[in-house]
Amino acid sequence: MKTRRAFLLSCATAVPAIATAATAAKTLEDRPAIRTCPRATGGPNAKRFPQVLVRDQFKEQAWFYQELIENKIALVSFASAKGDAYYPIISNLVKVQDMLKDRLGKDVFMYTVTTNPYQDTPETLKKLADQHGANWRFLSGDPDSIRQILDAFYVRGTIDGLMWIGNERIGRWASIPSRQHPLFIAEVVARLSTGKHYKPFLVDMHSV
């Protein structure tokens, strides 16, 4: 009898523990930013782009590939608060932002990844974005994680003149100078778009 009583007592204490574990697992599923997430397995370029945590200027965390790139049209540029003073690109990209109009944040997303994660905090990047009226996400994070992103886009140094534009639904990417005329940057977005947003040219080439 003593053995049976001990067995029933152990079952009674185990049930809450199992329930607590199930609740914790569900909580992690509901909050992707805090769960352990290895490299993404889906998406055309899941093996190329790192699945690392990043933070934007509002201190919101996200998994770089799974939440910011996969199944999206993305414009990814690279700058630092200090570097933009010597080689400004943000002011040019604001003109691209204005041309995208209401597509920005709906089916087209812009990101600027810091090239100086040791000094660029969310506060620093928010100040940079606010100075120019930039309404896209400026990303920083752990230096090792940011280095993985920079390596994936072949970025070296704190000043980089190229940006990448991709449609990760179909796995097509192109690079273009960040200081290129905003019309030509927006035109790459139009060419990589599908459906009603696809356009080979944004202007009548006969009038250029």
N, C-alpha and C. Protein backbone atom coordinates (compact mmCIF):
# COMPACT_ATOMS: atom_id res chain seq x y z
N MET A 1 0.83 -1.21 0.00
CA MET A 1 0.00 0.00 0.00
C MET A 1 0.86 1.26 0.00
N LYS A 2 1.94 1.16 0.79
CA LYS A 2 2.81 2.32 0.87
C LYS A 2 3.42 2.65 -0.49
N THR A 3 3.78 1.59 -1.22
CA THR A 3 4.38 1.79 -2.55
C THR A 3 3.36 2.40 -3.52
N ARG A 4 2.07 1.89 -3.46
CA ARG A 4 1.02 2.40 -4.35
C ARG A 4 0.74 3.88 -4.05
N ARG A 5 0.71 4.25 -2.73
CA ARG A 5 0.47 5.64 -2.34
C ARG A 5 1.58 6.56 -2.87
N ALA A 6 2.79 6.07 -2.77
CA ALA A 6 3.92 6.88 -3.27
C ALA A 6 3.83 7.08 -4.77
N PHE A 7 3.37 5.99 -5.50
CA PHE A 7 3.24 6.10 -6.96
C PHE A 7 2.19 7.14 -7.34
N LEU A 8 1.00 7.10 -6.66
CA LEU A 8 -0.05 8.06 -6.96
C LEU A 8 0.39 9.48 -6.66
N LEU A 9 1.17 9.64 -5.58
CA LEU A 9 1.65 10.99 -5.22
C LEU A 9 2.59 11.52 -6.28
N SER A 10 3.45 10.65 -6.81
CA SER A 10 4.39 11.11 -7.85
C SER A 10 3.66 11.50 -9.11
N CYS A 11 2.56 10.77 -9.46
CA CYS A 11 1.77 11.13 -10.64
C CYS A 11 1.12 12.49 -10.47
N ALA A 12 0.63 12.75 -9.27
CA ALA A 12 -0.06 14.02 -9.00
C ALA A 12 0.88 15.20 -9.14
N THR A 13 2.13 15.03 -8.77
CA THR A 13 3.08 16.14 -8.90
C THR A 13 3.61 16.26 -10.31
N ALA A 14 3.57 15.15 -11.07
CA ALA A 14 4.11 15.19 -12.43
C ALA A 14 3.17 15.90 -13.39
N VAL A 15 1.84 15.79 -13.20
CA VAL A 15 0.87 16.38 -14.13
C VAL A 15 1.05 17.88 -14.25
N PRO A 16 1.13 18.65 -13.11
CA PRO A 16 1.37 20.09 -13.28
C PRO A 16 2.66 20.38 -14.00
N ALA A 17 3.69 19.57 -13.75
CA ALA A 17 4.97 19.82 -14.41
C ALA A 17 4.85 19.66 -15.91
N ILE A 18 4.11 18.61 -16.35
CA ILE A 18 3.91 18.39 -17.78
C ILE A 18 3.11 19.53 -18.39
N ALA A 19 2.06 19.98 -17.65
CA ALA A 19 1.24 21.08 -18.14
C ALA A 19 2.05 22.35 -18.28
N THR A 20 2.93 22.59 -17.29
CA THR A 20 3.76 23.79 -17.35
C THR A 20 4.70 23.73 -18.54
N ALA A 21 5.29 22.55 -18.79
CA ALA A 21 6.19 22.40 -19.93
C ALA A 21 5.46 22.64 -21.24
N ALA A 22 4.22 22.11 -21.35
CA ALA A 22 3.44 22.30 -22.57
C ALA A 22 3.13 23.77 -22.80
N THR A 23 2.78 24.47 -21.70
CA THR A 23 2.48 25.89 -21.81
C THR A 23 3.71 26.66 -22.25
N ALA A 24 4.87 26.32 -21.67
CA ALA A 24 6.10 27.01 -22.04
C ALA A 24 6.43 26.79 -23.50
N ALA A 25 6.23 25.54 -23.99
CA ALA A 25 6.51 25.26 -25.39
C ALA A 25 5.60 26.07 -26.30
N LYS A 26 4.31 26.17 -25.90
CA LYS A 26 3.38 26.94 -26.72
C LYS A 26 3.78 28.41 -26.74
N THR A 27 4.24 28.92 -25.57
CA THR A 27 4.67 30.31 -25.51
C THR A 27 5.81 30.57 -26.47
N LEU A 28 6.77 29.64 -26.54
CA LEU A 28 7.89 29.80 -27.46
C LEU A 28 7.43 29.79 -28.90
N GLU A 29 6.43 28.90 -29.20
CA GLU A 29 5.92 28.85 -30.56
C GLU A 29 5.26 30.15 -30.95
N ASP A 30 4.59 30.79 -29.96
CA ASP A 30 3.89 32.03 -30.24
C ASP A 30 4.84 33.21 -30.36
N ARG A 31 6.05 33.06 -29.88
CA ARG A 31 7.00 34.18 -29.90
C ARG A 31 8.27 33.74 -30.62
N PRO A 32 8.26 33.81 -31.96
CA PRO A 32 9.39 33.30 -32.73
C PRO A 32 10.69 34.03 -32.43
N ALA A 33 10.63 35.25 -31.92
CA ALA A 33 11.85 36.00 -31.70
C ALA A 33 12.68 35.47 -30.54
N ILE A 34 12.09 34.61 -29.70
CA ILE A 34 12.86 34.12 -28.56
C ILE A 34 13.11 32.63 -28.62
N ARG A 35 12.59 31.94 -29.61
CA ARG A 35 12.83 30.51 -29.66
C ARG A 35 14.18 30.24 -30.34
N THR A 36 14.73 29.11 -30.03
CA THR A 36 15.95 28.71 -30.70
C THR A 36 15.64 28.40 -32.14
N CYS A 37 16.34 29.03 -33.05
CA CYS A 37 15.99 28.87 -34.45
C CYS A 37 17.25 28.65 -35.27
N PRO A 38 17.50 27.43 -35.70
CA PRO A 38 18.65 27.18 -36.56
C PRO A 38 18.40 27.74 -37.94
N ARG A 39 19.32 27.52 -38.85
CA ARG A 39 19.18 28.03 -40.20
C ARG A 39 17.86 27.57 -40.81
N ALA A 40 17.17 28.51 -41.46
CA ALA A 40 15.88 28.19 -42.05
C ALA A 40 16.05 27.12 -43.12
N THR A 41 15.04 26.32 -43.29
CA THR A 41 15.11 25.24 -44.28
C THR A 41 14.31 25.55 -45.52
N GLY A 42 13.35 26.47 -45.41
CA GLY A 42 12.54 26.80 -46.58
C GLY A 42 13.06 28.04 -47.27
N GLY A 43 12.54 28.32 -48.48
CA GLY A 43 12.94 29.51 -49.20
C GLY A 43 14.05 29.23 -50.18
N PRO A 44 14.04 29.90 -51.33
CA PRO A 44 15.03 29.63 -52.37
C PRO A 44 16.48 29.83 -51.94
N ASN A 45 16.73 30.83 -51.08
CA ASN A 45 18.10 31.12 -50.67
C ASN A 45 18.30 30.95 -49.16
N ALA A 46 17.59 29.99 -48.59
CA ALA A 46 17.69 29.77 -47.15
C ALA A 46 19.10 29.35 -46.74
N LYS A 47 19.82 28.71 -47.65
CA LYS A 47 21.18 28.29 -47.31
C LYS A 47 22.19 29.42 -47.46
N ARG A 48 21.81 30.45 -48.19
CA ARG A 48 22.75 31.56 -48.40
C ARG A 48 22.66 32.60 -47.29
N PHE A 49 21.44 32.95 -46.93
CA PHE A 49 21.26 34.03 -45.96
C PHE A 49 21.15 33.47 -44.55
N PRO A 50 21.81 34.11 -43.59
CA PRO A 50 21.82 33.57 -42.23
C PRO A 50 20.50 33.77 -41.50
N GLN A 51 20.24 32.83 -40.64
CA GLN A 51 19.06 32.91 -39.78
C GLN A 51 19.57 33.38 -38.42
N VAL A 52 19.74 34.68 -38.28
CA VAL A 52 20.26 35.25 -37.03
C VAL A 52 19.30 36.32 -36.52
N LEU A 53 19.38 36.56 -35.22
CA LEU A 53 18.53 37.60 -34.62
C LEU A 53 19.11 38.98 -34.88
N VAL A 54 18.25 39.90 -35.28
CA VAL A 54 18.65 41.29 -35.45
C VAL A 54 17.67 42.17 -34.67
N ARG A 55 18.09 43.41 -34.42
CA ARG A 55 17.23 44.40 -33.75
C ARG A 55 17.13 45.63 -34.61
N ASP A 56 15.93 46.20 -34.69
CA ASP A 56 15.80 47.44 -35.45
C ASP A 56 15.93 48.64 -34.53
N GLN A 57 15.75 49.82 -35.09
CA GLN A 57 15.94 51.05 -34.32
C GLN A 57 14.89 51.23 -33.22
N PHE A 58 13.83 50.41 -33.27
CA PHE A 58 12.82 50.46 -32.21
C PHE A 58 13.00 49.32 -31.20
N LYS A 59 14.15 48.62 -31.32
CA LYS A 59 14.54 47.54 -30.42
C LYS A 59 13.64 46.31 -30.59
N GLU A 60 12.98 46.21 -31.72
CA GLU A 60 12.20 45.02 -32.01
C GLU A 60 13.11 43.98 -32.66
N GLN A 61 13.02 42.74 -32.15
CA GLN A 61 13.87 41.67 -32.65
C GLN A 61 13.16 40.88 -33.75
N ALA A 62 13.98 40.31 -34.64
CA ALA A 62 13.42 39.49 -35.71
C ALA A 62 14.50 38.55 -36.22
N TRP A 63 14.06 37.40 -36.74
CA TRP A 63 14.99 36.48 -37.41
C TRP A 63 15.22 37.02 -38.81
N PHE A 64 16.49 37.21 -39.15
CA PHE A 64 16.80 37.92 -40.40
C PHE A 64 16.15 37.27 -41.62
N TYR A 65 16.41 35.98 -41.82
CA TYR A 65 15.88 35.38 -43.05
C TYR A 65 14.39 35.10 -42.96
N GLN A 66 14.02 34.38 -41.92
CA GLN A 66 12.64 33.88 -41.86
C GLN A 66 11.61 34.99 -41.76
N GLU A 67 11.93 36.06 -41.05
CA GLU A 67 10.92 37.09 -40.82
C GLU A 67 11.10 38.33 -41.69
N LEU A 68 12.31 38.57 -42.21
CA LEU A 68 12.54 39.80 -42.95
C LEU A 68 12.75 39.58 -44.44
N ILE A 69 13.19 38.39 -44.84
CA ILE A 69 13.56 38.17 -46.23
C ILE A 69 12.63 37.17 -46.93
N GLU A 70 12.37 36.07 -46.29
CA GLU A 70 11.63 34.97 -46.93
C GLU A 70 10.26 35.43 -47.43
N ASN A 71 9.96 35.08 -48.69
CA ASN A 71 8.67 35.40 -49.32
C ASN A 71 8.41 36.89 -49.46
N LYS A 72 9.46 37.68 -49.50
CA LYS A 72 9.29 39.14 -49.60
C LYS A 72 10.13 39.71 -50.73
N ILE A 73 9.76 40.89 -51.18
CA ILE A 73 10.63 41.71 -52.01
C ILE A 73 11.37 42.64 -51.06
N ALA A 74 12.69 42.54 -51.05
CA ALA A 74 13.48 43.26 -50.05
C ALA A 74 14.57 44.09 -50.71
N LEU A 75 14.76 45.29 -50.18
CA LEU A 75 15.89 46.14 -50.56
C LEU A 75 16.81 46.18 -49.35
N VAL A 76 18.02 45.67 -49.49
CA VAL A 76 18.94 45.59 -48.37
C VAL A 76 20.15 46.45 -48.67
N SER A 77 20.34 47.48 -47.85
CA SER A 77 21.49 48.37 -48.00
C SER A 77 22.35 48.27 -46.76
N PHE A 78 23.54 48.90 -46.84
CA PHE A 78 24.51 48.75 -45.76
C PHE A 78 25.14 50.10 -45.48
N ALA A 79 25.14 50.48 -44.20
CA ALA A 79 25.68 51.79 -43.83
C ALA A 79 25.93 51.79 -42.32
N SER A 80 26.62 52.81 -41.89
CA SER A 80 26.77 53.05 -40.45
C SER A 80 26.51 54.53 -40.20
N ALA A 81 26.20 54.86 -38.98
CA ALA A 81 25.91 56.27 -38.66
C ALA A 81 27.12 57.14 -38.97
N LYS A 82 28.30 56.65 -38.65
CA LYS A 82 29.51 57.42 -38.92
C LYS A 82 29.85 57.41 -40.40
N GLY A 83 29.70 56.25 -41.04
CA GLY A 83 30.07 56.13 -42.44
C GLY A 83 29.17 56.94 -43.36
N ASP A 84 27.89 57.10 -42.99
CA ASP A 84 26.97 57.84 -43.87
C ASP A 84 27.34 59.31 -43.94
N ALA A 85 28.10 59.80 -42.96
CA ALA A 85 28.54 61.19 -43.01
C ALA A 85 29.60 61.39 -44.10
N TYR A 86 30.37 60.33 -44.37
CA TYR A 86 31.43 60.42 -45.38
C TYR A 86 30.95 59.94 -46.75
N TYR A 87 30.06 58.95 -46.76
CA TYR A 87 29.56 58.39 -48.01
C TYR A 87 28.05 58.24 -47.86
N PRO A 88 27.33 59.33 -48.02
CA PRO A 88 25.87 59.29 -47.75
C PRO A 88 25.09 58.47 -48.77
N ILE A 89 24.28 57.58 -48.27
CA ILE A 89 23.37 56.82 -49.14
C ILE A 89 21.92 56.93 -48.67
N ILE A 90 21.74 57.24 -47.38
CA ILE A 90 20.38 57.21 -46.82
C ILE A 90 19.50 58.27 -47.50
N SER A 91 20.06 59.44 -47.76
CA SER A 91 19.26 60.50 -48.38
C SER A 91 18.78 60.07 -49.76
N ASN A 92 19.60 59.31 -50.50
CA ASN A 92 19.18 58.83 -51.82
C ASN A 92 18.10 57.76 -51.68
N LEU A 93 18.25 56.90 -50.69
CA LEU A 93 17.27 55.83 -50.52
C LEU A 93 15.92 56.36 -50.04
N VAL A 94 15.92 57.51 -49.38
CA VAL A 94 14.64 58.12 -49.00
C VAL A 94 13.84 58.48 -50.25
N LYS A 95 14.54 58.87 -51.31
CA LYS A 95 13.84 59.17 -52.57
C LYS A 95 13.23 57.89 -53.17
N VAL A 96 13.94 56.77 -53.00
CA VAL A 96 13.38 55.48 -53.44
C VAL A 96 12.15 55.15 -52.61
N GLN A 97 12.27 55.37 -51.31
CA GLN A 97 11.13 55.15 -50.41
C GLN A 97 9.91 55.93 -50.90
N ASP A 98 10.11 57.17 -51.29
CA ASP A 98 9.00 58.01 -51.74
C ASP A 98 8.40 57.48 -53.05
N MET A 99 9.23 56.88 -53.90
CA MET A 99 8.72 56.35 -55.16
C MET A 99 7.93 55.06 -54.94
N LEU A 100 8.30 54.29 -53.93
CA LEU A 100 7.58 53.05 -53.66
C LEU A 100 6.19 53.31 -53.09
N LYS A 101 6.03 54.45 -52.46
CA LYS A 101 4.74 54.88 -51.92
C LYS A 101 4.14 53.80 -51.00
N ASP A 102 2.89 53.42 -51.26
CA ASP A 102 2.21 52.52 -50.33
C ASP A 102 2.64 51.06 -50.46
N ARG A 103 3.52 50.76 -51.39
CA ARG A 103 4.03 49.37 -51.46
C ARG A 103 5.00 49.10 -50.30
N LEU A 104 5.66 50.16 -49.79
CA LEU A 104 6.63 49.98 -48.72
C LEU A 104 5.93 49.48 -47.45
N GLY A 105 6.42 48.36 -46.96
CA GLY A 105 5.85 47.78 -45.76
C GLY A 105 4.71 46.83 -46.02
N LYS A 106 4.27 46.75 -47.28
CA LYS A 106 3.19 45.82 -47.63
C LYS A 106 3.75 44.62 -48.42
N ASP A 107 4.25 44.90 -49.61
CA ASP A 107 4.87 43.81 -50.36
C ASP A 107 6.33 44.10 -50.68
N VAL A 108 6.78 45.30 -50.35
CA VAL A 108 8.19 45.66 -50.52
C VAL A 108 8.73 46.17 -49.19
N PHE A 109 9.91 45.68 -48.82
CA PHE A 109 10.47 46.02 -47.51
C PHE A 109 11.91 46.50 -47.68
N MET A 110 12.24 47.56 -46.96
CA MET A 110 13.58 48.12 -47.02
C MET A 110 14.28 47.90 -45.68
N TYR A 111 15.55 47.54 -45.77
CA TYR A 111 16.37 47.36 -44.57
C TYR A 111 17.74 47.98 -44.82
N THR A 112 18.27 48.63 -43.81
CA THR A 112 19.67 49.06 -43.82
C THR A 112 20.36 48.33 -42.68
N VAL A 113 21.36 47.52 -43.03
CA VAL A 113 22.11 46.76 -42.04
C VAL A 113 23.35 47.55 -41.66
N THR A 114 23.60 47.70 -40.37
CA THR A 114 24.77 48.45 -39.96
C THR A 114 26.05 47.72 -40.35
N THR A 115 27.03 48.48 -40.76
CA THR A 115 28.35 47.91 -41.02
C THR A 115 29.27 48.10 -39.83
N ASN A 116 28.72 48.69 -38.77
CA ASN A 116 29.51 48.94 -37.56
C ASN A 116 28.70 48.55 -36.32
N PRO A 117 28.47 47.26 -36.13
CA PRO A 117 27.61 46.82 -35.01
C PRO A 117 28.21 47.09 -33.63
N TYR A 118 29.48 47.38 -33.58
CA TYR A 118 30.10 47.66 -32.28
C TYR A 118 29.70 49.05 -31.77
N GLN A 119 29.37 49.96 -32.66
CA GLN A 119 29.04 51.32 -32.24
C GLN A 119 27.60 51.72 -32.54
N ASP A 120 27.00 51.11 -33.55
CA ASP A 120 25.63 51.50 -33.93
C ASP A 120 24.61 50.78 -33.06
N THR A 121 24.08 51.49 -32.09
CA THR A 121 23.02 50.97 -31.24
C THR A 121 21.67 51.29 -31.89
N PRO A 122 20.59 50.69 -31.39
CA PRO A 122 19.27 51.08 -31.91
C PRO A 122 19.02 52.58 -31.80
N GLU A 123 19.48 53.19 -30.72
CA GLU A 123 19.30 54.64 -30.55
C GLU A 123 20.06 55.41 -31.62
N THR A 124 21.29 54.98 -31.89
CA THR A 124 22.10 55.65 -32.91
C THR A 124 21.45 55.56 -34.28
N LEU A 125 20.96 54.36 -34.60
CA LEU A 125 20.35 54.16 -35.91
C LEU A 125 19.00 54.86 -36.02
N LYS A 126 18.28 54.97 -34.92
CA LYS A 126 17.00 55.71 -34.95
C LYS A 126 17.25 57.19 -35.24
N LYS A 127 18.32 57.69 -34.63
CA LYS A 127 18.67 59.10 -34.88
C LYS A 127 19.01 59.31 -36.35
N LEU A 128 19.78 58.36 -36.93
CA LEU A 128 20.14 58.45 -38.35
C LEU A 128 18.89 58.39 -39.23
N ALA A 129 18.00 57.46 -38.92
CA ALA A 129 16.77 57.34 -39.71
C ALA A 129 15.91 58.60 -39.59
N ASP A 130 15.78 59.10 -38.38
CA ASP A 130 14.93 60.27 -38.17
C ASP A 130 15.49 61.51 -38.86
N GLN A 131 16.80 61.61 -38.91
CA GLN A 131 17.42 62.77 -39.55
C GLN A 131 17.02 62.88 -41.02
N HIS A 132 16.79 61.72 -41.65
CA HIS A 132 16.50 61.71 -43.09
C HIS A 132 15.03 61.44 -43.39
N GLY A 133 14.25 61.14 -42.39
CA GLY A 133 12.86 60.79 -42.65
C GLY A 133 12.72 59.40 -43.24
N ALA A 134 13.63 58.50 -42.89
CA ALA A 134 13.58 57.13 -43.40
C ALA A 134 12.59 56.31 -42.58
N ASN A 135 11.67 55.67 -43.29
CA ASN A 135 10.61 54.93 -42.60
C ASN A 135 10.79 53.42 -42.71
N TRP A 136 12.01 52.98 -43.02
CA TRP A 136 12.25 51.54 -43.06
C TRP A 136 13.07 51.13 -41.85
N ARG A 137 13.38 49.83 -41.75
CA ARG A 137 14.04 49.29 -40.56
C ARG A 137 15.56 49.32 -40.70
N PHE A 138 16.22 49.86 -39.69
CA PHE A 138 17.67 49.89 -39.60
C PHE A 138 18.09 48.80 -38.61
N LEU A 139 18.94 47.88 -39.06
CA LEU A 139 19.20 46.67 -38.30
C LEU A 139 20.59 46.64 -37.69
N SER A 140 20.63 46.29 -36.42
CA SER A 140 21.89 46.04 -35.73
C SER A 140 21.72 44.73 -34.95
N GLY A 141 22.72 44.41 -34.14
CA GLY A 141 22.63 43.18 -33.38
C GLY A 141 23.98 42.73 -32.91
N ASP A 142 24.04 41.47 -32.51
CA ASP A 142 25.31 40.91 -32.09
C ASP A 142 26.31 41.00 -33.24
N PRO A 143 27.54 41.47 -32.97
CA PRO A 143 28.52 41.64 -34.06
C PRO A 143 28.74 40.39 -34.89
N ASP A 144 28.78 39.23 -34.26
CA ASP A 144 28.99 37.99 -35.02
C ASP A 144 27.80 37.71 -35.95
N SER A 145 26.60 38.00 -35.48
CA SER A 145 25.42 37.79 -36.32
C SER A 145 25.41 38.77 -37.49
N ILE A 146 25.73 40.03 -37.20
CA ILE A 146 25.76 41.03 -38.28
C ILE A 146 26.84 40.67 -39.30
N ARG A 147 27.97 40.14 -38.81
CA ARG A 147 29.05 39.74 -39.72
C ARG A 147 28.56 38.65 -40.69
N GLN A 148 27.74 37.75 -40.20
CA GLN A 148 27.20 36.70 -41.08
C GLN A 148 26.34 37.30 -42.19
N ILE A 149 25.55 38.31 -41.83
CA ILE A 149 24.72 38.97 -42.85
C ILE A 149 25.60 39.69 -43.87
N LEU A 150 26.59 40.44 -43.37
CA LEU A 150 27.47 41.18 -44.28
C LEU A 150 28.22 40.23 -45.21
N ASP A 151 28.67 39.11 -44.68
CA ASP A 151 29.38 38.13 -45.52
C ASP A 151 28.47 37.58 -46.60
N ALA A 152 27.19 37.36 -46.26
CA ALA A 152 26.25 36.80 -47.24
C ALA A 152 26.05 37.74 -48.42
N PHE A 153 26.24 39.05 -48.17
CA PHE A 153 26.08 40.03 -49.25
C PHE A 153 27.43 40.58 -49.72
N TYR A 154 28.51 39.91 -49.32
CA TYR A 154 29.86 40.27 -49.77
C TYR A 154 30.26 41.69 -49.37
N VAL A 155 29.83 42.13 -48.20
CA VAL A 155 30.14 43.48 -47.73
C VAL A 155 31.42 43.44 -46.92
N ARG A 156 32.36 44.31 -47.30
CA ARG A 156 33.62 44.43 -46.57
C ARG A 156 33.80 45.88 -46.16
N GLY A 157 34.28 46.12 -44.96
CA GLY A 157 34.50 47.47 -44.51
C GLY A 157 33.23 48.14 -44.01
N THR A 158 33.36 49.35 -43.51
CA THR A 158 32.21 50.06 -42.94
C THR A 158 31.49 50.93 -43.96
N ILE A 159 32.08 51.09 -45.15
CA ILE A 159 31.42 51.84 -46.21
C ILE A 159 31.25 50.92 -47.41
N ASP A 160 30.01 50.76 -47.85
CA ASP A 160 29.74 49.87 -48.97
C ASP A 160 28.79 50.57 -49.93
N GLY A 161 29.15 50.55 -51.19
CA GLY A 161 28.37 51.30 -52.17
C GLY A 161 27.28 50.53 -52.87
N LEU A 162 27.16 49.24 -52.57
CA LEU A 162 26.15 48.44 -53.26
C LEU A 162 24.99 48.08 -52.33
N MET A 163 23.82 48.01 -52.91
CA MET A 163 22.67 47.47 -52.20
C MET A 163 22.14 46.29 -53.01
N TRP A 164 21.37 45.45 -52.35
CA TRP A 164 20.81 44.28 -53.01
C TRP A 164 19.30 44.36 -52.99
N ILE A 165 18.73 43.98 -54.11
CA ILE A 165 17.27 43.96 -54.23
C ILE A 165 16.87 42.56 -54.67
N GLY A 166 15.95 41.96 -53.94
CA GLY A 166 15.59 40.60 -54.27
C GLY A 166 14.11 40.32 -54.08
N ASN A 167 13.65 39.36 -54.85
CA ASN A 167 12.31 38.82 -54.65
C ASN A 167 12.51 37.38 -54.19
N GLU A 168 12.44 37.17 -52.89
CA GLU A 168 12.75 35.86 -52.34
C GLU A 168 11.60 34.87 -52.51
N ARG A 169 10.50 35.32 -53.08
CA ARG A 169 9.45 34.35 -53.45
C ARG A 169 9.93 33.51 -54.62
N ILE A 170 10.68 34.15 -55.52
CA ILE A 170 11.15 33.44 -56.70
C ILE A 170 12.66 33.25 -56.69
N GLY A 171 13.32 33.79 -55.68
CA GLY A 171 14.76 33.57 -55.52
C GLY A 171 15.64 34.39 -56.43
N ARG A 172 15.15 35.51 -56.94
CA ARG A 172 15.96 36.34 -57.85
C ARG A 172 16.46 37.59 -57.11
N TRP A 173 17.75 37.87 -57.25
CA TRP A 173 18.37 39.02 -56.61
C TRP A 173 19.24 39.78 -57.60
N ALA A 174 19.38 41.07 -57.36
CA ALA A 174 20.26 41.90 -58.18
C ALA A 174 20.91 42.93 -57.28
N SER A 175 22.10 43.37 -57.67
CA SER A 175 22.77 44.42 -56.91
C SER A 175 22.85 45.68 -57.77
N ILE A 176 22.85 46.81 -57.08
CA ILE A 176 22.87 48.10 -57.78
C ILE A 176 23.50 49.12 -56.82
N PRO A 177 24.23 50.09 -57.35
CA PRO A 177 24.83 51.11 -56.46
C PRO A 177 23.77 51.83 -55.63
N SER A 178 24.04 51.99 -54.36
CA SER A 178 23.08 52.64 -53.47
C SER A 178 22.86 54.11 -53.82
N ARG A 179 23.83 54.69 -54.52
CA ARG A 179 23.69 56.10 -54.91
C ARG A 179 23.26 56.25 -56.36
N GLN A 180 22.82 55.14 -56.95
CA GLN A 180 22.26 55.21 -58.30
C GLN A 180 21.02 56.10 -58.28
N HIS A 181 20.65 56.65 -59.43
CA HIS A 181 19.45 57.48 -59.48
C HIS A 181 18.26 56.68 -58.92
N PRO A 182 17.45 57.29 -58.05
CA PRO A 182 16.34 56.56 -57.42
C PRO A 182 15.42 55.88 -58.41
N LEU A 183 15.27 56.48 -59.59
CA LEU A 183 14.38 55.89 -60.60
C LEU A 183 14.88 54.51 -61.00
N PHE A 184 16.19 54.35 -61.16
CA PHE A 184 16.73 53.08 -61.62
C PHE A 184 16.69 52.03 -60.50
N ILE A 185 16.80 52.48 -59.26
CA ILE A 185 16.65 51.54 -58.14
C ILE A 185 15.21 51.05 -58.06
N ALA A 186 14.27 51.98 -58.18
CA ALA A 186 12.85 51.60 -58.16
C ALA A 186 12.51 50.72 -59.35
N GLU A 187 13.22 50.93 -60.46
CA GLU A 187 12.96 50.14 -61.66
C GLU A 187 13.36 48.68 -61.44
N VAL A 188 14.45 48.44 -60.71
CA VAL A 188 14.84 47.06 -60.39
C VAL A 188 13.74 46.39 -59.56
N VAL A 189 13.16 47.14 -58.63
CA VAL A 189 12.05 46.60 -57.83
C VAL A 189 10.90 46.20 -58.76
N ALA A 190 10.59 47.06 -59.71
CA ALA A 190 9.48 46.79 -60.63
C ALA A 190 9.76 45.56 -61.49
N ARG A 191 11.02 45.39 -61.90
CA ARG A 191 11.37 44.24 -62.75
C ARG A 191 11.34 42.93 -61.97
N LEU A 192 11.65 43.00 -60.68
CA LEU A 192 11.64 41.79 -59.86
C LEU A 192 10.26 41.48 -59.30
N SER A 193 9.35 42.41 -59.47
CA SER A 193 7.99 42.18 -58.97
C SER A 193 7.25 41.23 -59.90
N THR A 194 6.17 40.71 -59.39
CA THR A 194 5.32 39.84 -60.20
C THR A 194 3.91 40.40 -60.21
N GLY A 195 3.09 39.89 -61.12
CA GLY A 195 1.69 40.33 -61.17
C GLY A 195 1.56 41.76 -61.65
N LYS A 196 0.63 42.49 -61.07
CA LYS A 196 0.32 43.83 -61.55
C LYS A 196 1.45 44.83 -61.31
N HIS A 197 2.36 44.51 -60.40
CA HIS A 197 3.46 45.44 -60.10
C HIS A 197 4.66 45.25 -61.02
N TYR A 198 4.64 44.20 -61.85
CA TYR A 198 5.78 43.99 -62.74
C TYR A 198 5.78 45.04 -63.85
N LYS A 199 6.93 45.68 -64.03
CA LYS A 199 7.11 46.63 -65.14
C LYS A 199 8.56 46.56 -65.59
N PRO A 200 8.80 46.38 -66.88
CA PRO A 200 10.19 46.33 -67.34
C PRO A 200 10.88 47.68 -67.26
N PHE A 201 10.11 48.76 -67.44
CA PHE A 201 10.65 50.12 -67.34
C PHE A 201 9.64 51.01 -66.62
N LEU A 202 10.16 51.98 -65.89
CA LEU A 202 9.26 52.91 -65.19
C LEU A 202 9.03 54.19 -65.98
N VAL A 203 9.82 54.39 -67.02
CA VAL A 203 9.63 55.56 -67.87
C VAL A 203 9.64 55.11 -69.31
N ASP A 204 9.05 55.91 -70.16
CA ASP A 204 9.09 55.64 -71.59
C ASP A 204 10.52 55.90 -72.06
N MET A 205 11.23 54.85 -72.45
CA MET A 205 12.63 55.00 -72.82
C MET A 205 12.83 55.89 -74.04
N HIS A 206 11.77 56.06 -74.85
CA HIS A 206 11.89 56.93 -76.01
C HIS A 206 11.99 58.40 -75.61
N SER A 207 11.53 58.70 -74.40
CA SER A 207 11.55 60.10 -73.97
C SER A 207 12.78 60.42 -73.15
N VAL A 208 13.63 59.42 -72.89
CA VAL A 208 14.82 59.68 -72.07
C VAL A 208 15.91 60.31 -72.93
